[in-house]
Amino acid sequence: MTYAATVQTANVKLIMHVAVKNDTDIVIGDIGTAYLNARTKEKIWIRAGPEFGPDCEGKIYILKGALYGAKGLANAWYLELSEHQRNQGFTRSTMDMSFWYKYEPESDLYTYLCHHVDDILGTGSDIDDVIADMRVRFTMTGWDQLPSVYLGINIDVLPDGSGWFLS
């Protein structure tokens, strides 16, 4: 399989609606070098060049991690991220393979995450804990509480602060 699922635009809007309705923060960010976190199933052989140092130059190595441009890389990354989200207690939607949810009994609310390759959007009562846990596993960049754009959707806060205008 060489594809990776990406979130449906309707579910991005659903997460934003839930954040306004439940008065929870919404976060948006990026997982840096996402593809390099994925493990490949294919054997990729390389001959080490001079950038590997004199002790390694010329030797043959098998890569265990993904390599940009390799066939199946997007799917390898999707599987890696999915495994992590399952380990965090999230359940994947049956209708959108990039939409995840987890019930939080303490707040009686759900935490939602969606992703488009390495861009993550989430909301919920414990979203800060979820992101902190992700930071342990992945390099995270660009995390903002008030996103202005996500997947081409412009997000403007309404003047009274009661929600967002999406365009």
Foldseek 3Di string as FASTA:
>chain_A
DQAAFAFDPVVVVVQQVVCLVVVWFKKKWFFPPLLQLFFDPDWDKDADDCVVPPVRHRDIDTDGGGDPPDGNSLVRSNVVVVVVCVVVVWDADPVGRQKIWHQDVVVRDIKIWGGGSGMIMIIDPPVVVVVVVVVVRTPIDDMDRDDQDDPRWGWAQPPVNSGTDTD
